[in-house]
Amino acid sequence: MPFHYILTNLLVDVPDALGAVFVDSDGEAVEWVSNRDGPPFELRVEGACQAATLRQLGRVTAATGAGDLQSYALVGSQLTTLTQILPHGYYVVLVVRRSGSLGLARFHLRRAAAAIAGEI
């Protein structure tokens, strides 16, 4: 499956992206790419940590009648983490520098997520 290719293109399309990870419903990384040298441990941990956030936000949106959670962003002083929900409990996480364009990152993340969804 072309997950690595799709994630690599995502990093190319988002200049301030540091990494992207495709994660299963258990929080395990299926595939990942990073612009940083060294092991992808931090990126894989970030993907796993989003599983807990995803469950909590899902409960909130269900309780408030907002409908199914589709995506969310966690914005910090240095980094922004964008998460796009996929079918069957999968999701894609994109980590970008805070100085980057959030709109550009969201646009390309949605496009990459649609491509991945077509493969699962």
PDB file of N, CA and C in Angstrom:
ATOM      1  N   MET A   1       0.843  -1.185   0.000  1.00  0.00           N
ATOM      2  CA  MET A   1       0.000   0.000   0.000  1.00  0.00           C
ATOM      3  C   MET A   1       0.891   1.253   0.000  1.00  0.00           C
ATOM      4  N   PRO A   2       0.434   2.306  -0.606  1.00  0.00           N
ATOM      5  CA  PRO A   2       1.292   3.484  -0.825  1.00  0.00           C
ATOM      6  C   PRO A   2       1.290   4.502   0.319  1.00  0.00           C
ATOM      7  N   PHE A   3       1.160   4.043   1.554  1.00  0.00           N
ATOM      8  CA  PHE A   3       1.059   4.990   2.665  1.00  0.00           C
ATOM      9  C   PHE A   3       2.315   5.856   2.800  1.00  0.00           C
ATOM     10  N   HIS A   4       3.483   5.239   2.660  1.00  0.00           N
ATOM     11  CA  HIS A   4       4.727   5.992   2.793  1.00  0.00           C
ATOM     12  C   HIS A   4       4.809   7.074   1.714  1.00  0.00           C
ATOM     13  N   TYR A   5       4.431   6.733   0.511  1.00  0.00           N
ATOM     14  CA  TYR A   5       4.438   7.688  -0.607  1.00  0.00           C
ATOM     15  C   TYR A   5       3.505   8.870  -0.315  1.00  0.00           C
ATOM     16  N   ILE A   6       2.308   8.585   0.177  1.00  0.00           N
ATOM     17  CA  ILE A   6       1.328   9.635   0.474  1.00  0.00           C
ATOM     18  C   ILE A   6       1.842  10.548   1.589  1.00  0.00           C
ATOM     19  N   LEU A   7       2.389   9.958   2.643  1.00  0.00           N
ATOM     20  CA  LEU A   7       2.910  10.758   3.757  1.00  0.00           C
ATOM     21  C   LEU A   7       4.128  11.577   3.335  1.00  0.00           C
ATOM     22  N   THR A   8       4.978  11.012   2.505  1.00  0.00           N
ATOM     23  CA  THR A   8       6.140  11.758   2.004  1.00  0.00           C
ATOM     24  C   THR A   8       5.689  12.961   1.191  1.00  0.00           C
ATOM     25  N   ASN A   9       4.710  12.777   0.337  1.00  0.00           N
ATOM     26  CA  ASN A   9       4.179  13.896  -0.440  1.00  0.00           C
ATOM     27  C   ASN A   9       3.562  14.958   0.455  1.00  0.00           C
ATOM     28  N   LEU A  10       2.946  14.539   1.543  1.00  0.00           N
ATOM     29  CA  LEU A  10       2.381  15.486   2.497  1.00  0.00           C
ATOM     30  C   LEU A  10       3.484  16.379   3.066  1.00  0.00           C
ATOM     31  N   LEU A  11       4.608  15.795   3.433  1.00  0.00           N
ATOM     32  CA  LEU A  11       5.702  16.600   3.966  1.00  0.00           C
ATOM     33  C   LEU A  11       6.283  17.532   2.914  1.00  0.00           C
ATOM     34  N   VAL A  12       6.306  17.091   1.676  1.00  0.00           N
ATOM     35  CA  VAL A  12       6.793  17.949   0.592  1.00  0.00           C
ATOM     36  C   VAL A  12       5.837  19.125   0.379  1.00  0.00           C
ATOM     37  N   ASP A  13       4.536  18.865   0.455  1.00  0.00           N
ATOM     38  CA  ASP A  13       3.529  19.896   0.204  1.00  0.00           C
ATOM     39  C   ASP A  13       3.402  20.913   1.340  1.00  0.00           C
ATOM     40  N   VAL A  14       3.844  20.543   2.538  1.00  0.00           N
ATOM     41  CA  VAL A  14       3.744  21.428   3.700  1.00  0.00           C
ATOM     42  C   VAL A  14       5.179  21.742   4.164  1.00  0.00           C
ATOM     43  N   PRO A  15       5.729  22.856   3.703  1.00  0.00           N
ATOM     44  CA  PRO A  15       7.143  23.158   3.958  1.00  0.00           C
ATOM     45  C   PRO A  15       7.549  23.166   5.429  1.00  0.00           C
ATOM     46  N   ASP A  16       6.666  23.536   6.326  1.00  0.00           N
ATOM     47  CA  ASP A  16       7.008  23.593   7.749  1.00  0.00           C
ATOM     48  C   ASP A  16       6.672  22.312   8.498  1.00  0.00           C
ATOM     49  N   ALA A  17       6.315  21.260   7.779  1.00  0.00           N
ATOM     50  CA  ALA A  17       6.003  19.985   8.427  1.00  0.00           C
ATOM     51  C   ALA A  17       7.280  19.315   8.925  1.00  0.00           C
ATOM     52  N   LEU A  18       7.194  18.732  10.097  1.00  0.00           N
ATOM     53  CA  LEU A  18       8.314  17.992  10.676  1.00  0.00           C
ATOM     54  C   LEU A  18       8.128  16.495  10.540  1.00  0.00           C
ATOM     55  N   GLY A  19       6.877  16.047  10.507  1.00  0.00           N
ATOM     56  CA  GLY A  19       6.618  14.624  10.389  1.00  0.00           C
ATOM     57  C   GLY A  19       5.140  14.332  10.277  1.00  0.00           C
ATOM     58  N   ALA A  20       4.853  13.129   9.788  1.00  0.00           N
ATOM     59  CA  ALA A  20       3.471  12.666   9.669  1.00  0.00           C
ATOM     60  C   ALA A  20       3.440  11.187  10.009  1.00  0.00           C
ATOM     61  N   VAL A  21       2.355  10.772  10.631  1.00  0.00           N
ATOM     62  CA  VAL A  21       2.222   9.371  11.011  1.00  0.00           C
ATOM     63  C   VAL A  21       0.784   8.917  10.769  1.00  0.00           C
ATOM     64  N   PHE A  22       0.644   7.730  10.186  1.00  0.00           N
ATOM     65  CA  PHE A  22      -0.636   7.073   9.949  1.00  0.00           C
ATOM     66  C   PHE A  22      -0.789   6.038  11.045  1.00  0.00           C
ATOM     67  N   VAL A  23      -1.889   6.121  11.812  1.00  0.00           N
ATOM     68  CA  VAL A  23      -2.040   5.356  13.047  1.00  0.00           C
ATOM     69  C   VAL A  23      -3.315   4.521  13.008  1.00  0.00           C
ATOM     70  N   ASP A  24      -3.246   3.310  13.588  1.00  0.00           N
ATOM     71  CA  ASP A  24      -4.437   2.465  13.655  1.00  0.00           C
ATOM     72  C   ASP A  24      -5.251   2.771  14.911  1.00  0.00           C
ATOM     73  N   SER A  25      -6.362   2.082  15.075  1.00  0.00           N
ATOM     74  CA  SER A  25      -7.281   2.376  16.173  1.00  0.00           C
ATOM     75  C   SER A  25      -6.705   2.064  17.555  1.00  0.00           C
ATOM     76  N   ASP A  26      -5.629   1.284  17.613  1.00  0.00           N
ATOM     77  CA  ASP A  26      -4.981   0.977  18.893  1.00  0.00           C
ATOM     78  C   ASP A  26      -3.867   1.960  19.232  1.00  0.00           C
ATOM     79  N   GLY A  27      -3.640   2.947  18.369  1.00  0.00           N
ATOM     80  CA  GLY A  27      -2.586   3.915  18.601  1.00  0.00           C
ATOM     81  C   GLY A  27      -1.223   3.477  18.088  1.00  0.00           C
ATOM     82  N   GLU A  28      -1.189   2.392  17.322  1.00  0.00           N
ATOM     83  CA  GLU A  28       0.067   1.887  16.760  1.00  0.00           C
ATOM     84  C   GLU A  28       0.331   2.543  15.410  1.00  0.00           C
ATOM     85  N   ALA A  29       1.560   2.981  15.206  1.00  0.00           N
ATOM     86  CA  ALA A  29       1.937   3.589  13.934  1.00  0.00           C
ATOM     87  C   ALA A  29       1.955   2.527  12.839  1.00  0.00           C
ATOM     88  N   VAL A  30       1.229   2.800  11.767  1.00  0.00           N
ATOM     89  CA  VAL A  30       1.219   1.918  10.599  1.00  0.00           C
ATOM     90  C   VAL A  30       2.359   2.320   9.672  1.00  0.00           C
ATOM     91  N   GLU A  31       2.509   3.629   9.471  1.00  0.00           N
ATOM     92  CA  GLU A  31       3.571   4.186   8.622  1.00  0.00           C
ATOM     93  C   GLU A  31       3.875   5.598   9.093  1.00  0.00           C
ATOM     94  N   TRP A  32       5.088   6.054   8.885  1.00  0.00           N
ATOM     95  CA  TRP A  32       5.471   7.399   9.306  1.00  0.00           C
ATOM     96  C   TRP A  32       6.599   7.904   8.420  1.00  0.00           C
ATOM     97  N   VAL A  33       6.706   9.220   8.366  1.00  0.00           N
ATOM     98  CA  VAL A  33       7.823   9.887   7.694  1.00  0.00           C
ATOM     99  C   VAL A  33       8.201  11.091   8.555  1.00  0.00           C
ATOM    100  N   SER A  34       9.482  11.442   8.505  1.00  0.00           N
ATOM    101  CA  SER A  34       9.970  12.545   9.324  1.00  0.00           C
ATOM    102  C   SER A  34      11.036  13.320   8.575  1.00  0.00           C
ATOM    103  N   ASN A  35      11.083  14.620   8.805  1.00  0.00           N
ATOM    104  CA  ASN A  35      12.139  15.458   8.253  1.00  0.00           C
ATOM    105  C   ASN A  35      13.338  15.530   9.175  1.00  0.00           C
ATOM    106  N   ARG A  36      13.239  14.926  10.325  1.00  0.00           N
ATOM    107  CA  ARG A  36      14.330  14.959  11.303  1.00  0.00           C
ATOM    108  C   ARG A  36      15.191  13.711  11.161  1.00  0.00           C
ATOM    109  N   ASP A  37      16.475  13.873  11.456  1.00  0.00           N
ATOM    110  CA  ASP A  37      17.376  12.727  11.462  1.00  0.00           C
ATOM    111  C   ASP A  37      17.155  11.925  12.731  1.00  0.00           C
ATOM    112  N   GLY A  38      17.492  10.672  12.658  1.00  0.00           N
ATOM    113  CA  GLY A  38      17.392   9.828  13.840  1.00  0.00           C
ATOM    114  C   GLY A  38      16.121   8.994  13.842  1.00  0.00           C
ATOM    115  N   PRO A  39      15.951   8.210  14.889  1.00  0.00           N
ATOM    116  CA  PRO A  39      14.792   7.310  14.966  1.00  0.00           C
ATOM    117  C   PRO A  39      13.484   8.087  15.119  1.00  0.00           C
ATOM    118  N   PRO A  40      12.417   7.539  14.600  1.00  0.00           N
ATOM    119  CA  PRO A  40      11.121   8.236  14.625  1.00  0.00           C
ATOM    120  C   PRO A  40      10.340   8.032  15.916  1.00  0.00           C
ATOM    121  N   PHE A  41      11.033   7.711  17.004  1.00  0.00           N
ATOM    122  CA  PHE A  41      10.359   7.383  18.252  1.00  0.00           C
ATOM    123  C   PHE A  41       9.386   8.471  18.688  1.00  0.00           C
ATOM    124  N   GLU A  42       9.823   9.732  18.695  1.00  0.00           N
ATOM    125  CA  GLU A  42       8.960  10.832  19.142  1.00  0.00           C
ATOM    126  C   GLU A  42       7.708  10.944  18.287  1.00  0.00           C
ATOM    127  N   LEU A  43       7.856  10.771  16.997  1.00  0.00           N
ATOM    128  CA  LEU A  43       6.716  10.862  16.091  1.00  0.00           C
ATOM    129  C   LEU A  43       5.737   9.723  16.343  1.00  0.00           C
ATOM    130  N   ARG A  44       6.245   8.531  16.553  1.00  0.00           N
ATOM    131  CA  ARG A  44       5.377   7.390  16.832  1.00  0.00           C
ATOM    132  C   ARG A  44       4.663   7.561  18.171  1.00  0.00           C
ATOM    133  N   VAL A  45       5.365   8.109  19.164  1.00  0.00           N
ATOM    134  CA  VAL A  45       4.746   8.373  20.467  1.00  0.00           C
ATOM    135  C   VAL A  45       3.652   9.431  20.306  1.00  0.00           C
ATOM    136  N   GLU A  46       3.928  10.466  19.531  1.00  0.00           N
ATOM    137  CA  GLU A  46       2.911  11.501  19.290  1.00  0.00           C
ATOM    138  C   GLU A  46       1.653  10.886  18.682  1.00  0.00           C
ATOM    139  N   GLY A  47       1.829  10.005  17.719  1.00  0.00           N
ATOM    140  CA  GLY A  47       0.678   9.329  17.117  1.00  0.00           C
ATOM    141  C   GLY A  47      -0.099   8.517  18.131  1.00  0.00           C
ATOM    142  N   ALA A  48       0.616   7.809  18.997  1.00  0.00           N
ATOM    143  CA  ALA A  48      -0.042   7.002  20.026  1.00  0.00           C
ATOM    144  C   ALA A  48      -0.763   7.880  21.042  1.00  0.00           C
ATOM    145  N   CYS A  49      -0.151   8.991  21.419  1.00  0.00           N
ATOM    146  CA  CYS A  49      -0.782   9.893  22.396  1.00  0.00           C
ATOM    147  C   CYS A  49      -2.082  10.485  21.857  1.00  0.00           C
ATOM    148  N   GLN A  50      -2.154  10.661  20.565  1.00  0.00           N
ATOM    149  CA  GLN A  50      -3.370  11.223  19.977  1.00  0.00           C
ATOM    150  C   GLN A  50      -4.556  10.281  20.119  1.00  0.00           C
ATOM    151  N   ALA A  51      -4.308   8.994  20.332  1.00  0.00           N
ATOM    152  CA  ALA A  51      -5.415   8.042  20.518  1.00  0.00           C
ATOM    153  C   ALA A  51      -6.251   8.418  21.739  1.00  0.00           C
ATOM    154  N   ALA A  52      -5.605   8.778  22.833  1.00  0.00           N
ATOM    155  CA  ALA A  52      -6.328   9.171  24.049  1.00  0.00           C
ATOM    156  C   ALA A  52      -7.086  10.477  23.823  1.00  0.00           C
ATOM    157  N   THR A  53      -6.437  11.427  23.180  1.00  0.00           N
ATOM    158  CA  THR A  53      -7.093  12.706  22.881  1.00  0.00           C
ATOM    159  C   THR A  53      -8.294  12.481  21.981  1.00  0.00           C
ATOM    160  N   LEU A  54      -8.117  11.645  20.996  1.00  0.00           N
ATOM    161  CA  LEU A  54      -9.197  11.335  20.055  1.00  0.00           C
ATOM    162  C   LEU A  54     -10.409  10.734  20.768  1.00  0.00           C
ATOM    163  N   ARG A  55     -10.159   9.807  21.668  1.00  0.00           N
ATOM    164  CA  ARG A  55     -11.270   9.188  22.419  1.00  0.00           C
ATOM    165  C   ARG A  55     -12.007  10.223  23.267  1.00  0.00           C
ATOM    166  N   GLN A  56     -11.251  11.061  23.962  1.00  0.00           N
ATOM    167  CA  GLN A  56     -11.870  12.084  24.810  1.00  0.00           C
ATOM    168  C   GLN A  56     -12.675  13.086  23.983  1.00  0.00           C
ATOM    169  N   LEU A  57     -12.102  13.578  22.911  1.00  0.00           N
ATOM    170  CA  LEU A  57     -12.822  14.545  22.062  1.00  0.00           C
ATOM    171  C   LEU A  57     -14.041  13.894  21.415  1.00  0.00           C
ATOM    172  N   GLY A  58     -13.935  12.636  21.080  1.00  0.00           N
ATOM    173  CA  GLY A  58     -15.084  11.913  20.536  1.00  0.00           C
ATOM    174  C   GLY A  58     -16.232  11.847  21.526  1.00  0.00           C
ATOM    175  N   ARG A  59     -15.904  11.626  22.792  1.00  0.00           N
ATOM    176  CA  ARG A  59     -16.936  11.601  23.836  1.00  0.00           C
ATOM    177  C   ARG A  59     -17.600  12.972  23.981  1.00  0.00           C
ATOM    178  N   VAL A  60     -16.788  14.016  23.923  1.00  0.00           N
ATOM    179  CA  VAL A  60     -17.317  15.377  24.056  1.00  0.00           C
ATOM    180  C   VAL A  60     -18.246  15.715  22.888  1.00  0.00           C
ATOM    181  N   THR A  61     -17.809  15.425  21.660  1.00  0.00           N
ATOM    182  CA  THR A  61     -18.660  15.759  20.511  1.00  0.00           C
ATOM    183  C   THR A  61     -19.942  14.936  20.515  1.00  0.00           C
ATOM    184  N   ALA A  62     -19.866  13.694  20.976  1.00  0.00           N
ATOM    185  CA  ALA A  62     -21.080  12.868  21.062  1.00  0.00           C
ATOM    186  C   ALA A  62     -22.025  13.405  22.137  1.00  0.00           C
ATOM    187  N   ALA A  63     -21.473  13.781  23.269  1.00  0.00           N
ATOM    188  CA  ALA A  63     -22.298  14.268  24.377  1.00  0.00           C
ATOM    189  C   ALA A  63     -22.959  15.603  24.070  1.00  0.00           C
ATOM    190  N   THR A  64     -22.309  16.404  23.271  1.00  0.00           N
ATOM    191  CA  THR A  64     -22.860  17.728  22.956  1.00  0.00           C
ATOM    192  C   THR A  64     -23.708  17.738  21.697  1.00  0.00           C
ATOM    193  N   GLY A  65     -23.795  16.593  21.025  1.00  0.00           N
ATOM    194  CA  GLY A  65     -24.588  16.526  19.801  1.00  0.00           C
ATOM    195  C   GLY A  65     -23.918  17.165  18.595  1.00  0.00           C
ATOM    196  N   ALA A  66     -22.606  17.330  18.660  1.00  0.00           N
ATOM    197  CA  ALA A  66     -21.870  17.971  17.566  1.00  0.00           C
ATOM    198  C   ALA A  66     -21.647  17.038  16.382  1.00  0.00           C
ATOM    199  N   GLY A  67     -21.949  15.766  16.551  1.00  0.00           N
ATOM    200  CA  GLY A  67     -21.716  14.806  15.480  1.00  0.00           C
ATOM    201  C   GLY A  67     -20.359  14.142  15.626  1.00  0.00           C
ATOM    202  N   ASP A  68     -20.012  13.364  14.625  1.00  0.00           N
ATOM    203  CA  ASP A  68     -18.748  12.638  14.655  1.00  0.00           C
ATOM    204  C   ASP A  68     -17.568  13.596  14.522  1.00  0.00           C
ATOM    205  N   LEU A  69     -16.531  13.344  15.301  1.00  0.00           N
ATOM    206  CA  LEU A  69     -15.301  14.120  15.216  1.00  0.00           C
ATOM    207  C   LEU A  69     -14.627  13.832  13.888  1.00  0.00           C
ATOM    208  N   GLN A  70     -14.227  14.869  13.169  1.00  0.00           N
ATOM    209  CA  GLN A  70     -13.574  14.698  11.875  1.00  0.00           C
ATOM    210  C   GLN A  70     -12.100  15.061  11.926  1.00  0.00           C
ATOM    211  N   SER A  71     -11.768  16.117  12.659  1.00  0.00           N
ATOM    212  CA  SER A  71     -10.372  16.539  12.768  1.00  0.00           C
ATOM    213  C   SER A  71     -10.230  17.475  13.953  1.00  0.00           C
ATOM    214  N   TYR A  72      -8.983  17.697  14.366  1.00  0.00           N
ATOM    215  CA  TYR A  72      -8.713  18.672  15.413  1.00  0.00           C
ATOM    216  C   TYR A  72      -7.255  19.106  15.332  1.00  0.00           C
ATOM    217  N   ALA A  73      -6.973  20.234  15.954  1.00  0.00           N
ATOM    218  CA  ALA A  73      -5.616  20.775  15.994  1.00  0.00           C
ATOM    219  C   ALA A  73      -5.257  21.117  17.429  1.00  0.00           C
ATOM    220  N   LEU A  74      -4.057  20.796  17.826  1.00  0.00           N
ATOM    221  CA  LEU A  74      -3.509  21.189  19.119  1.00  0.00           C
ATOM    222  C   LEU A  74      -2.381  22.166  18.817  1.00  0.00           C
ATOM    223  N   VAL A  75      -2.561  23.413  19.232  1.00  0.00           N
ATOM    224  CA  VAL A  75      -1.622  24.471  18.888  1.00  0.00           C
ATOM    225  C   VAL A  75      -0.801  24.844  20.112  1.00  0.00           C
ATOM    226  N   GLY A  76       0.503  24.641  20.007  1.00  0.00           N
ATOM    227  CA  GLY A  76       1.421  25.010  21.073  1.00  0.00           C
ATOM    228  C   GLY A  76       2.251  26.218  20.667  1.00  0.00           C
ATOM    229  N   SER A  77       3.123  26.639  21.545  1.00  0.00           N
ATOM    230  CA  SER A  77       3.940  27.814  21.239  1.00  0.00           C
ATOM    231  C   SER A  77       4.994  27.532  20.177  1.00  0.00           C
ATOM    232  N   GLN A  78       5.402  26.277  20.023  1.00  0.00           N
ATOM    233  CA  GLN A  78       6.428  25.920  19.044  1.00  0.00           C
ATOM    234  C   GLN A  78       5.919  25.031  17.915  1.00  0.00           C
ATOM    235  N   LEU A  79       4.991  24.138  18.237  1.00  0.00           N
ATOM    236  CA  LEU A  79       4.509  23.159  17.258  1.00  0.00           C
ATOM    237  C   LEU A  79       2.988  23.122  17.240  1.00  0.00           C
ATOM    238  N   THR A  80       2.460  22.710  16.097  1.00  0.00           N
ATOM    239  CA  THR A  80       1.038  22.434  15.951  1.00  0.00           C
ATOM    240  C   THR A  80       0.883  20.990  15.512  1.00  0.00           C
ATOM    241  N   THR A  81      -0.024  20.277  16.146  1.00  0.00           N
ATOM    242  CA  THR A  81      -0.312  18.897  15.784  1.00  0.00           C
ATOM    243  C   THR A  81      -1.723  18.850  15.222  1.00  0.00           C
ATOM    244  N   LEU A  82      -1.834  18.424  13.973  1.00  0.00           N
ATOM    245  CA  LEU A  82      -3.128  18.303  13.296  1.00  0.00           C
ATOM    246  C   LEU A  82      -3.470  16.829  13.173  1.00  0.00           C
ATOM    247  N   THR A  83      -4.700  16.471  13.487  1.00  0.00           N
ATOM    248  CA  THR A  83      -5.135  15.085  13.389  1.00  0.00           C
ATOM    249  C   THR A  83      -6.382  15.018  12.528  1.00  0.00           C
ATOM    250  N   GLN A  84      -6.367  14.142  11.541  1.00  0.00           N
ATOM    251  CA  GLN A  84      -7.499  13.924  10.641  1.00  0.00           C
ATOM    252  C   GLN A  84      -7.996  12.495  10.842  1.00  0.00           C
ATOM    253  N   ILE A  85      -9.279  12.362  11.150  1.00  0.00           N
ATOM    254  CA  ILE A  85      -9.875  11.061  11.424  1.00  0.00           C
ATOM    255  C   ILE A  85     -10.187  10.353  10.105  1.00  0.00           C
ATOM    256  N   LEU A  86      -9.934   9.055  10.073  1.00  0.00           N
ATOM    257  CA  LEU A  86     -10.192   8.214   8.903  1.00  0.00           C
ATOM    258  C   LEU A  86     -11.214   7.130   9.256  1.00  0.00           C
ATOM    259  N   PRO A  87     -11.718   6.418   8.277  1.00  0.00           N
ATOM    260  CA  PRO A  87     -12.633   5.308   8.576  1.00  0.00           C
ATOM    261  C   PRO A  87     -11.953   4.198   9.389  1.00  0.00           C
ATOM    262  N   HIS A  88     -12.761   3.386  10.045  1.00  0.00           N
ATOM    263  CA  HIS A  88     -12.328   2.186  10.765  1.00  0.00           C
ATOM    264  C   HIS A  88     -11.382   2.487  11.927  1.00  0.00           C
ATOM    265  N   GLY A  89     -11.450   3.696  12.489  1.00  0.00           N
ATOM    266  CA  GLY A  89     -10.643   4.037  13.651  1.00  0.00           C
ATOM    267  C   GLY A  89      -9.232   4.505  13.347  1.00  0.00           C
ATOM    268  N   TYR A  90      -8.857   4.547  12.103  1.00  0.00           N
ATOM    269  CA  TYR A  90      -7.532   5.053  11.728  1.00  0.00           C
ATOM    270  C   TYR A  90      -7.520   6.575  11.771  1.00  0.00           C
ATOM    271  N   TYR A  91      -6.321   7.148  11.830  1.00  0.00           N
ATOM    272  CA  TYR A  91      -6.174   8.596  11.752  1.00  0.00           C
ATOM    273  C   TYR A  91      -4.766   8.948  11.285  1.00  0.00           C
ATOM    274  N   VAL A  92      -4.620  10.182  10.820  1.00  0.00           N
ATOM    275  CA  VAL A  92      -3.322  10.688  10.364  1.00  0.00           C
ATOM    276  C   VAL A  92      -2.979  11.910  11.209  1.00  0.00           C
ATOM    277  N   VAL A  93      -1.738  11.968  11.680  1.00  0.00           N
ATOM    278  CA  VAL A  93      -1.248  13.084  12.480  1.00  0.00           C
ATOM    279  C   VAL A  93      -0.137  13.790  11.700  1.00  0.00           C
ATOM    280  N   LEU A  94      -0.231  15.099  11.625  1.00  0.00           N
ATOM    281  CA  LEU A  94       0.789  15.925  10.983  1.00  0.00           C
ATOM    282  C   LEU A  94       1.325  16.908  12.014  1.00  0.00           C
ATOM    283  N   VAL A  95       2.633  16.941  12.185  1.00  0.00           N
ATOM    284  CA  VAL A  95       3.276  17.869  13.124  1.00  0.00           C
ATOM    285  C   VAL A  95       3.986  18.936  12.301  1.00  0.00           C
ATOM    286  N   VAL A  96       3.647  20.206  12.576  1.00  0.00           N
ATOM    287  CA  VAL A  96       4.233  21.319  11.832  1.00  0.00           C
ATOM    288  C   VAL A  96       4.786  22.368  12.803  1.00  0.00           C
ATOM    289  N   ARG A  97       5.742  23.133  12.317  1.00  0.00           N
ATOM    290  CA  ARG A  97       6.239  24.264  13.107  1.00  0.00           C
ATOM    291  C   ARG A  97       5.111  25.273  13.272  1.00  0.00           C
ATOM    292  N   ARG A  98       5.057  25.912  14.403  1.00  0.00           N
ATOM    293  CA  ARG A  98       4.004  26.897  14.697  1.00  0.00           C
ATOM    294  C   ARG A  98       4.036  28.056  13.705  1.00  0.00           C
ATOM    295  N   SER A  99       5.198  28.352  13.152  1.00  0.00           N
ATOM    296  CA  SER A  99       5.335  29.455  12.200  1.00  0.00           C
ATOM    297  C   SER A  99       4.732  29.141  10.832  1.00  0.00           C
ATOM    298  N   GLY A 100       4.389  27.890  10.601  1.00  0.00           N
ATOM    299  CA  GLY A 100       3.848  27.485   9.304  1.00  0.00           C
ATOM    300  C   GLY A 100       2.390  27.873   9.125  1.00  0.00           C
ATOM    301  N   SER A 101       1.928  27.740   7.904  1.00  0.00           N
ATOM    302  CA  SER A 101       0.541  28.055   7.563  1.00  0.00           C
ATOM    303  C   SER A 101      -0.386  26.925   7.988  1.00  0.00           C
ATOM    304  N   LEU A 102      -1.249  27.220   8.948  1.00  0.00           N
ATOM    305  CA  LEU A 102      -2.204  26.222   9.426  1.00  0.00           C
ATOM    306  C   LEU A 102      -3.196  25.843   8.325  1.00  0.00           C
ATOM    307  N   GLY A 103      -3.627  26.825   7.541  1.00  0.00           N
ATOM    308  CA  GLY A 103      -4.555  26.546   6.450  1.00  0.00           C
ATOM    309  C   GLY A 103      -3.958  25.623   5.403  1.00  0.00           C
ATOM    310  N   LEU A 104      -2.721  25.876   5.020  1.00  0.00           N
ATOM    311  CA  LEU A 104      -2.039  25.031   4.047  1.00  0.00           C
ATOM    312  C   LEU A 104      -1.864  23.618   4.591  1.00  0.00           C
ATOM    313  N   ALA A 105      -1.470  23.522   5.851  1.00  0.00           N
ATOM    314  CA  ALA A 105      -1.283  22.211   6.472  1.00  0.00           C
ATOM    315  C   ALA A 105      -2.598  21.438   6.523  1.00  0.00           C
ATOM    316  N   ARG A 106      -3.675  22.090   6.911  1.00  0.00           N
ATOM    317  CA  ARG A 106      -4.976  21.412   6.966  1.00  0.00           C
ATOM    318  C   ARG A 106      -5.434  20.951   5.584  1.00  0.00           C
ATOM    319  N   PHE A 107      -5.262  21.811   4.591  1.00  0.00           N
ATOM    320  CA  PHE A 107      -5.669  21.459   3.236  1.00  0.00           C
ATOM    321  C   PHE A 107      -4.951  20.199   2.759  1.00  0.00           C
ATOM    322  N   HIS A 108      -3.639  20.181   2.899  1.00  0.00           N
ATOM    323  CA  HIS A 108      -2.868  19.037   2.412  1.00  0.00           C
ATOM    324  C   HIS A 108      -3.066  17.797   3.282  1.00  0.00           C
ATOM    325  N   LEU A 109      -3.299  17.988   4.584  1.00  0.00           N
ATOM    326  CA  LEU A 109      -3.592  16.839   5.439  1.00  0.00           C
ATOM    327  C   LEU A 109      -4.903  16.194   5.017  1.00  0.00           C
ATOM    328  N   ARG A 110      -5.922  16.976   4.752  1.00  0.00           N
ATOM    329  CA  ARG A 110      -7.210  16.416   4.307  1.00  0.00           C
ATOM    330  C   ARG A 110      -7.055  15.660   2.996  1.00  0.00           C
ATOM    331  N   ARG A 111      -6.265  16.221   2.090  1.00  0.00           N
ATOM    332  CA  ARG A 111      -6.048  15.565   0.802  1.00  0.00           C
ATOM    333  C   ARG A 111      -5.307  14.237   0.979  1.00  0.00           C
ATOM    334  N   ALA A 112      -4.275  14.240   1.819  1.00  0.00           N
ATOM    335  CA  ALA A 112      -3.534  13.006   2.085  1.00  0.00           C
ATOM    336  C   ALA A 112      -4.423  11.978   2.797  1.00  0.00           C
ATOM    337  N   ALA A 113      -5.229  12.443   3.735  1.00  0.00           N
ATOM    338  CA  ALA A 113      -6.125  11.546   4.465  1.00  0.00           C
ATOM    339  C   ALA A 113      -7.135  10.894   3.527  1.00  0.00           C
ATOM    340  N   ALA A 114      -7.645  11.633   2.562  1.00  0.00           N
ATOM    341  CA  ALA A 114      -8.586  11.077   1.590  1.00  0.00           C
ATOM    342  C   ALA A 114      -7.895  10.008   0.749  1.00  0.00           C
ATOM    343  N   ALA A 115      -6.648  10.239   0.390  1.00  0.00           N
ATOM    344  CA  ALA A 115      -5.903   9.245  -0.396  1.00  0.00           C
ATOM    345  C   ALA A 115      -5.668   7.987   0.427  1.00  0.00           C
ATOM    346  N   ILE A 116      -5.304   8.152   1.702  1.00  0.00           N
ATOM    347  CA  ILE A 116      -5.092   6.989   2.565  1.00  0.00           C
ATOM    348  C   ILE A 116      -6.399   6.240   2.786  1.00  0.00           C
ATOM    349  N   ALA A 117      -7.471   6.969   3.017  1.00  0.00           N
ATOM    350  CA  ALA A 117      -8.788   6.340   3.228  1.00  0.00           C
ATOM    351  C   ALA A 117      -9.186   5.491   2.026  1.00  0.00           C
ATOM    352  N   GLY A 118      -8.789   5.916   0.844  1.00  0.00           N
ATOM    353  CA  GLY A 118      -9.088   5.140  -0.348  1.00  0.00           C
ATOM    354  C   GLY A 118      -8.300   3.846  -0.443  1.00  0.00           C
ATOM    355  N   GLU A 119      -7.283   3.698   0.378  1.00  0.00           N
ATOM    356  CA  GLU A 119      -6.430   2.518   0.357  1.00  0.00           C
ATOM    357  C   GLU A 119      -6.709   1.532   1.498  1.00  0.00           C
ATOM    358  N   ILE A 120      -7.505   1.956   2.490  1.00  0.00           N
ATOM    359  CA  ILE A 120      -7.745   1.054   3.627  1.00  0.00           C
ATOM    360  C   ILE A 120      -9.085   0.360   3.509  1.00  0.00           C
TER     361      ILE A 120
END
